[in-house]
Amino acid sequence: MTLLAIPAIGRFGAREDVPSLLNRPYGVLWLGFAALVVGVVVAAALLRRRRAGSS
């Protein structure tokens, strides 16, 4: 996902004569997505550890 987001985060292709092009906070959105992924991975690891301990 990061590789796909690099052009948007870097605003490659943004043009001043088209203000609606790449006008969103893509860096912030990417950080939110990355935090979500990290959260899911941590939750899955905790669940796996919990299940392994109870067996």
C-alpha atoms as a PDB file:
ATOM      1  CA  MET A   1       0.000   0.000   0.000  1.00  0.00           C
ATOM      2  CA  THR A   2       2.870   2.352   0.757  1.00  0.00           C
ATOM      3  CA  LEU A   3       4.311   1.896  -2.718  1.00  0.00           C
ATOM      4  CA  LEU A   4       0.953   2.787  -4.225  1.00  0.00           C
ATOM      5  CA  ALA A   5       0.617   5.841  -1.971  1.00  0.00           C
ATOM      6  CA  ILE A   6       4.032   7.377  -2.711  1.00  0.00           C
ATOM      7  CA  PRO A   7       2.849   9.432  -5.721  1.00  0.00           C
ATOM      8  CA  ALA A   8      -0.091  10.869  -3.788  1.00  0.00           C
ATOM      9  CA  ILE A   9       1.897  11.558  -0.623  1.00  0.00           C
ATOM     10  CA  GLY A  10       4.643  13.247  -2.651  1.00  0.00           C
ATOM     11  CA  ARG A  11       2.008  15.137  -4.653  1.00  0.00           C
ATOM     12  CA  PHE A  12       3.668  14.094  -7.908  1.00  0.00           C
ATOM     13  CA  GLY A  13       1.556  15.381 -10.764  1.00  0.00           C
ATOM     14  CA  ALA A  14      -0.093  18.168  -8.757  1.00  0.00           C
ATOM     15  CA  ARG A  15      -0.772  21.264 -10.816  1.00  0.00           C
ATOM     16  CA  GLU A  16      -1.477  24.778  -9.596  1.00  0.00           C
ATOM     17  CA  ASP A  17      -3.948  25.419 -12.415  1.00  0.00           C
ATOM     18  CA  VAL A  18      -6.091  22.465 -11.191  1.00  0.00           C
ATOM     19  CA  PRO A  19      -6.571  23.071  -7.442  1.00  0.00           C
ATOM     20  CA  SER A  20      -8.814  20.037  -6.949  1.00  0.00           C
ATOM     21  CA  LEU A  21      -6.047  17.677  -8.060  1.00  0.00           C
ATOM     22  CA  LEU A  22      -4.316  16.004  -5.092  1.00  0.00           C
ATOM     23  CA  ASN A  23      -5.861  18.403  -2.585  1.00  0.00           C
ATOM     24  CA  ARG A  24      -6.389  15.921   0.267  1.00  0.00           C
ATOM     25  CA  PRO A  25      -4.072  15.267   3.235  1.00  0.00           C
ATOM     26  CA  TYR A  26      -2.764  11.980   1.857  1.00  0.00           C
ATOM     27  CA  GLY A  27       0.108  11.819   4.339  1.00  0.00           C
ATOM     28  CA  VAL A  28      -2.300  11.946   7.277  1.00  0.00           C
ATOM     29  CA  LEU A  29      -4.571   9.379   5.639  1.00  0.00           C
ATOM     30  CA  TRP A  30      -1.600   7.080   5.074  1.00  0.00           C
ATOM     31  CA  LEU A  31      -0.550   7.416   8.718  1.00  0.00           C
ATOM     32  CA  GLY A  32      -4.064   6.470   9.795  1.00  0.00           C
ATOM     33  CA  PHE A  33      -4.037   3.424   7.542  1.00  0.00           C
ATOM     34  CA  ALA A  34      -0.592   2.397   8.782  1.00  0.00           C
ATOM     35  CA  ALA A  35      -1.749   2.751  12.404  1.00  0.00           C
ATOM     36  CA  LEU A  36      -4.781   0.593  11.623  1.00  0.00           C
ATOM     37  CA  VAL A  37      -2.587  -2.114  10.092  1.00  0.00           C
ATOM     38  CA  VAL A  38      -0.212  -2.050  13.063  1.00  0.00           C
ATOM     39  CA  GLY A  39      -3.167  -2.276  15.438  1.00  0.00           C
ATOM     40  CA  VAL A  40      -4.618  -5.291  13.643  1.00  0.00           C
ATOM     41  CA  VAL A  41      -1.232  -7.049  13.597  1.00  0.00           C
ATOM     42  CA  VAL A  42      -0.683  -6.414  17.313  1.00  0.00           C
ATOM     43  CA  ALA A  43      -4.208  -7.616  18.151  1.00  0.00           C
ATOM     44  CA  ALA A  44      -3.718 -10.774  16.080  1.00  0.00           C
ATOM     45  CA  ALA A  45      -0.376 -11.467  17.770  1.00  0.00           C
ATOM     46  CA  LEU A  46      -1.909 -11.020  21.229  1.00  0.00           C
ATOM     47  CA  LEU A  47      -4.794 -13.319  20.333  1.00  0.00           C
ATOM     48  CA  ARG A  48      -2.418 -15.939  18.995  1.00  0.00           C
ATOM     49  CA  ARG A  49      -0.263 -15.744  22.127  1.00  0.00           C
ATOM     50  CA  ARG A  50      -3.341 -15.973  24.354  1.00  0.00           C
ATOM     51  CA  ARG A  51      -4.677 -19.033  22.495  1.00  0.00           C
ATOM     52  CA  ALA A  52      -1.251 -20.733  22.530  1.00  0.00           C
ATOM     53  CA  GLY A  53      -0.971 -20.192  26.282  1.00  0.00           C
ATOM     54  CA  SER A  54      -4.377 -21.719  27.047  1.00  0.00           C
ATOM     55  CA  SER A  55      -3.755 -24.955  25.130  1.00  0.00           C
END
